[in-house]
């Protein structure tokens, strides 16, 4: 019997229901509460709202600059993703197809960087960014986010390049193609799924990052969407409806993006892990 045709056991079904409940339950509760009044929330945490009117969302939009946070997050996340892919695509291609001095050292350095706690980087980066004039700027966050995602993007793309037969490059060189032409017109189209996966992971990492955005920024004009959560909890501590509505508006985009593109991410990683 194939894996897809296997039937789930009762224990597996119970486990899946439990995992789904603890994963979706809190978010579902926040969504329901965002349509309640403060009185309804305090009267019963589990009752459905009497009327499904978006007063909480209207209040959150009036009391907070959430669209400014959205704009900042979109600019910073897209810019960090593009910068990350530009830097890592060539290095992952070279290390996967060519032999040169220091190749293993470079690869192991990228792997070991995954073991460094993010918290250990905060103070050095804060000091350096302050001296370079990058503190409280979008450019500073873009560079940090692009750098934080380099190891992950590197190994995702490297595994995608490895599974491509070398005969394709050899045929291109025999036809007179240069290195740049081969890389851009032959290799890059062949690893579109890997590039898409690396881009999705980098974008979500930049979109959801909180600590560096908190430490490296101080003005609302630069701060990103995850910081809106702390903004809501401090500004709306008296208005639970607006706070819950704000939380939904903050977390919903990343959930939607990953839900739509999760098959792309999973299939690319599995393909790379089998041969890479």
Protein backbone atom coordinates (compact mmCIF):
# COMPACT_ATOMS: atom_id res chain seq x y z
CA UNK A 1 0.00 0.00 0.00
CA UNK A 2 1.39 3.43 -0.95
CA UNK A 3 1.88 6.15 1.61
CA UNK A 4 -0.96 8.25 0.20
CA UNK A 5 -3.44 5.38 0.41
CA UNK A 6 -2.77 4.59 4.03
CA UNK A 7 -5.63 5.24 6.43
CA UNK A 8 -5.08 7.29 9.53
CA UNK A 9 -5.39 5.47 12.82
CA UNK A 10 -7.72 6.86 15.51
CA UNK A 11 -4.69 7.91 17.56
CA UNK A 12 -3.26 9.83 14.59
CA UNK A 13 -6.62 11.55 14.03
CA UNK A 14 -6.82 12.57 17.69
CA UNK A 15 -3.27 13.87 17.56
CA UNK A 16 -3.98 15.91 14.41
CA UNK A 17 -7.12 17.38 15.97
CA UNK A 18 -5.17 18.29 19.12
CA UNK A 19 -2.34 19.95 17.16
CA UNK A 20 -4.84 21.84 15.00
CA UNK A 21 -6.77 23.01 18.06
CA UNK A 22 -3.73 24.38 19.90
CA UNK A 23 -2.43 25.98 16.69
CA UNK A 24 -5.60 27.62 15.40
CA UNK A 25 -7.58 27.89 18.64
CA UNK A 26 -5.92 31.02 20.09
CA UNK A 27 -6.04 32.87 16.77
CA UNK A 28 -9.69 31.89 16.27
CA UNK A 29 -10.50 33.13 19.78
CA UNK A 30 -8.80 36.47 19.08
CA UNK A 31 -10.72 36.76 15.80
CA UNK A 32 -14.06 36.14 17.55
CA UNK A 33 -13.16 38.57 20.34
CA UNK A 34 -12.33 41.30 17.84
CA UNK A 35 -16.05 41.57 17.05
CA UNK A 36 -17.14 41.78 20.69
CA UNK A 37 -17.48 44.81 22.90
CA UNK A 38 -15.38 45.20 26.02
CA UNK A 39 -18.40 44.29 28.10
CA UNK A 40 -18.99 41.08 26.14
CA UNK A 41 -15.33 40.06 26.46
CA UNK A 42 -15.31 40.60 30.22
CA UNK A 43 -18.71 38.91 30.65
CA UNK A 44 -17.79 35.70 28.79
CA UNK A 45 -14.52 34.85 27.08
CA UNK A 46 -16.03 32.02 25.03
CA UNK A 47 -19.43 33.34 23.95
CA UNK A 48 -20.02 34.46 20.39
CA UNK A 49 -20.45 38.19 19.72
CA UNK A 50 -23.99 39.52 19.80
CA UNK A 51 -23.47 41.49 16.58
CA UNK A 52 -20.68 40.93 14.03
CA UNK A 53 -19.83 44.58 13.44
CA UNK A 54 -16.24 45.68 12.79
CA UNK A 55 -16.14 48.43 15.42
CA UNK A 56 -12.85 47.09 16.77
CA UNK A 57 -11.16 47.31 13.37
CA UNK A 58 -12.44 50.85 12.81
CA UNK A 59 -11.13 51.89 16.24
CA UNK A 60 -7.75 50.24 15.63
CA UNK A 61 -7.36 52.06 12.31
CA UNK A 62 -8.28 55.40 13.88
CA UNK A 63 -6.07 55.06 16.95
CA UNK A 64 -2.93 53.61 15.37
CA UNK A 65 -0.80 54.27 12.27
CA UNK A 66 -1.17 50.68 11.11
CA UNK A 67 -1.04 51.56 7.40
CA UNK A 68 2.30 53.28 8.01
CA UNK A 69 3.55 50.08 9.68
CA UNK A 70 2.29 48.09 6.69
CA UNK A 71 4.11 50.37 4.26
CA UNK A 72 7.37 50.11 6.19
CA UNK A 73 7.14 46.32 6.44
CA UNK A 74 6.40 45.93 2.72
CA UNK A 75 9.32 48.17 1.68
CA UNK A 76 11.79 46.61 4.10
CA UNK A 77 10.75 42.98 3.51
CA UNK A 78 10.78 43.21 -0.29
CA UNK A 79 14.09 45.09 -0.33
CA UNK A 80 15.73 42.64 2.08
CA UNK A 81 14.48 39.69 0.00
CA UNK A 82 15.87 41.11 -3.26
CA UNK A 83 19.22 41.98 -1.65
CA UNK A 84 19.44 38.56 -0.05
CA UNK A 85 18.82 36.72 -3.33
CA UNK A 86 21.25 38.91 -5.28
CA UNK A 87 24.03 38.17 -2.81
CA UNK A 88 23.38 34.48 -2.26
CA UNK A 89 22.44 33.24 -5.74
CA UNK A 90 25.94 33.53 -7.21
CA UNK A 91 27.73 32.21 -4.11
CA UNK A 92 25.46 29.18 -3.84
CA UNK A 93 25.96 28.46 -7.56
CA UNK A 94 29.75 28.67 -7.33
CA UNK A 95 30.01 26.48 -4.24
CA UNK A 96 27.70 23.84 -5.70
CA UNK A 97 29.37 23.55 -9.14
CA UNK A 98 33.06 24.42 -8.77
CA UNK A 99 36.04 23.36 -6.68
CA UNK A 100 38.27 26.08 -5.29
CA UNK A 101 40.42 26.87 -2.28
CA UNK A 102 38.42 27.72 0.81
CA UNK A 103 35.20 26.21 -0.52
CA UNK A 104 34.67 23.93 2.48
CA UNK A 105 35.64 26.68 4.91
CA UNK A 106 33.08 29.01 3.33
CA UNK A 107 30.35 26.36 3.36
CA UNK A 108 31.05 25.36 6.96
CA UNK A 109 31.11 29.02 7.98
CA UNK A 110 27.63 29.48 6.53
CA UNK A 111 26.44 26.35 8.31
CA UNK A 112 27.96 27.37 11.65
CA UNK A 113 26.33 30.79 11.43
CA UNK A 114 22.98 29.03 11.84
CA UNK A 115 24.09 28.03 15.34
CA UNK A 116 24.79 31.59 16.51
CA UNK A 117 21.96 32.91 18.73
CA UNK A 118 20.34 36.01 17.28
CA UNK A 119 20.49 37.65 20.70
CA UNK A 120 24.30 37.49 20.60
CA UNK A 121 24.32 39.72 17.50
CA UNK A 122 22.11 42.49 18.81
CA UNK A 123 24.59 44.55 20.82
CA UNK A 124 27.43 44.42 18.22
CA UNK A 125 25.06 45.35 15.40
CA UNK A 126 23.54 48.16 17.48
CA UNK A 127 26.97 49.65 18.18
CA UNK A 128 28.14 49.32 14.56
CA UNK A 129 24.92 50.70 13.11
CA UNK A 130 25.01 53.66 15.49
CA UNK A 131 28.55 54.56 14.39
CA UNK A 132 27.71 54.09 10.70
CA UNK A 133 24.63 56.28 10.89
CA UNK A 134 22.30 53.40 10.00
CA UNK A 135 20.39 53.50 13.29
CA UNK A 136 16.69 54.28 12.94
CA UNK A 137 16.71 53.87 9.17
CA UNK A 138 15.05 51.49 6.72
CA UNK A 139 18.41 50.79 5.07
CA UNK A 140 19.81 49.55 8.37
CA UNK A 141 16.96 47.06 8.83
CA UNK A 142 17.15 45.96 5.18
CA UNK A 143 20.84 45.08 5.48
CA UNK A 144 20.33 43.24 8.80
CA UNK A 145 17.37 41.21 7.53
CA UNK A 146 19.13 40.31 4.28
CA UNK A 147 22.18 39.15 6.25
CA UNK A 148 20.15 37.15 8.78
CA UNK A 149 18.56 35.12 5.97
CA UNK A 150 21.79 34.43 4.06
CA UNK A 151 22.55 30.97 5.53
CA UNK A 152 19.03 29.63 4.94
CA UNK A 153 18.82 31.03 1.41
CA UNK A 154 22.33 29.77 0.65
CA UNK A 155 21.57 26.13 1.46
CA UNK A 156 18.14 26.20 -0.20
CA UNK A 157 19.64 27.47 -3.47
CA UNK A 158 22.74 25.31 -3.18
CA UNK A 159 20.62 22.17 -2.94
CA UNK A 160 18.65 23.34 -5.99
CA UNK A 161 21.82 23.86 -8.06
CA UNK A 162 23.32 20.52 -7.04
CA UNK A 163 20.54 18.42 -8.57
CA UNK A 164 20.95 20.02 -12.02
CA UNK A 165 23.06 17.85 -14.39
CA UNK A 166 26.43 19.39 -15.23
CA UNK A 167 25.99 18.34 -18.86
CA UNK A 168 23.67 21.34 -19.35
CA UNK A 169 26.47 23.76 -18.53
CA UNK A 170 28.97 21.85 -20.62
CA UNK A 171 26.63 21.97 -23.61
CA UNK A 172 26.16 25.72 -23.13
CA UNK A 173 29.92 26.31 -22.99
CA UNK A 174 30.41 24.23 -26.15
CA UNK A 175 27.84 26.42 -27.90
CA UNK A 176 29.87 29.50 -26.99
CA UNK A 177 27.91 30.76 -24.00
CA UNK A 178 29.85 32.75 -21.42
CA UNK A 179 29.77 32.11 -17.69
CA UNK A 180 27.33 34.98 -17.06
CA UNK A 181 25.07 33.91 -19.93
CA UNK A 182 25.02 30.31 -18.69
CA UNK A 183 24.25 31.41 -15.16
CA UNK A 184 21.51 33.89 -16.02
CA UNK A 185 19.79 32.21 -18.98
CA UNK A 186 20.20 28.52 -18.17
CA UNK A 187 20.88 27.93 -14.47
CA UNK A 188 18.62 30.57 -12.92
CA UNK A 189 15.49 29.43 -14.83
CA UNK A 190 16.27 25.84 -13.77
CA UNK A 191 16.17 26.73 -10.06
CA UNK A 192 13.07 28.94 -10.10
CA UNK A 193 11.42 26.79 -7.43
CA UNK A 194 14.44 27.10 -5.15
CA UNK A 195 14.58 30.86 -5.68
CA UNK A 196 10.87 31.09 -4.90
CA UNK A 197 11.34 29.08 -1.72
CA UNK A 198 14.30 31.17 -0.56
CA UNK A 199 12.38 34.36 -1.36
CA UNK A 200 9.32 33.21 0.60
CA UNK A 201 11.35 32.20 3.65
CA UNK A 202 13.38 35.42 3.60
CA UNK A 203 10.29 37.58 3.12
CA UNK A 204 8.44 35.93 6.02
CA UNK A 205 11.52 36.19 8.24
CA UNK A 206 11.86 39.90 7.52
CA UNK A 207 8.11 40.47 7.81
CA UNK A 208 7.82 38.81 11.24
CA UNK A 209 11.14 39.90 12.81
CA UNK A 210 10.66 41.82 16.06
CA UNK A 211 13.82 42.21 18.16
CA UNK A 212 16.09 43.98 15.65
CA UNK A 213 13.22 46.23 14.58
CA UNK A 214 12.74 47.18 18.23
CA UNK A 215 16.42 47.78 18.98
CA UNK A 216 17.50 49.48 15.75
CA UNK A 217 14.56 51.89 15.39
CA UNK A 218 12.95 54.53 17.55
CA UNK A 219 10.58 56.50 15.32
CA UNK A 220 7.17 55.40 14.06
CA UNK A 221 8.13 56.46 10.52
CA UNK A 222 10.60 53.54 10.31
CA UNK A 223 9.13 50.87 12.56
CA UNK A 224 7.61 47.71 11.11
CA UNK A 225 4.37 45.81 11.56
CA UNK A 226 5.46 43.36 14.32
CA UNK A 227 6.13 46.35 16.56
CA UNK A 228 2.49 47.29 16.13
CA UNK A 229 1.67 44.46 18.54
CA UNK A 230 3.53 46.17 21.36
CA UNK A 231 2.00 49.46 20.23
CA UNK A 232 -1.48 47.96 20.51
CA UNK A 233 -0.91 46.36 23.92
CA UNK A 234 0.33 49.67 25.35
CA UNK A 235 -2.09 52.05 23.62
CA UNK A 236 -5.19 49.85 23.67
CA UNK A 237 -4.86 48.27 27.12
CA UNK A 238 -8.27 49.78 27.92
CA UNK A 239 -9.87 48.72 24.63
CA UNK A 240 -9.66 44.96 24.20
CA UNK A 241 -11.79 44.97 21.04
CA UNK A 242 -9.41 47.32 19.22
CA UNK A 243 -6.38 45.44 20.54
CA UNK A 244 -7.66 42.09 19.26
CA UNK A 245 -8.61 43.64 15.92
CA UNK A 246 -5.12 45.11 15.63
CA UNK A 247 -3.52 41.74 16.37
CA UNK A 248 -5.58 40.10 13.62
CA UNK A 249 -4.54 42.78 11.11
CA UNK A 250 -0.89 42.30 12.05
CA UNK A 251 -0.64 38.50 11.90
CA UNK A 252 -3.10 37.79 9.08
CA UNK A 253 -0.87 38.72 6.08
CA UNK A 254 1.96 36.34 6.99
CA UNK A 255 -0.50 33.51 7.64
CA UNK A 256 -2.22 34.05 4.28
CA UNK A 257 1.09 34.26 2.40
CA UNK A 258 2.44 31.06 3.92
CA UNK A 259 -0.86 29.20 3.49
CA UNK A 260 -0.95 30.04 -0.21
CA UNK A 261 2.72 29.23 -0.84
CA UNK A 262 3.40 26.42 1.65
CA UNK A 263 3.22 23.70 -1.03
CA UNK A 264 5.91 25.51 -3.02
CA UNK A 265 8.18 25.74 0.04
CA UNK A 266 7.66 22.13 1.09
CA UNK A 267 8.08 20.59 -2.36
CA UNK A 268 11.28 22.52 -3.06
CA UNK A 269 12.85 21.60 0.26
CA UNK A 270 11.97 17.92 -0.11
CA UNK A 271 13.37 17.83 -3.65
CA UNK A 272 16.58 19.45 -2.51
CA UNK A 273 16.99 17.18 0.51
CA UNK A 274 16.61 13.99 -1.54
CA UNK A 275 19.55 14.64 -3.89
CA UNK A 276 21.39 17.45 -2.12
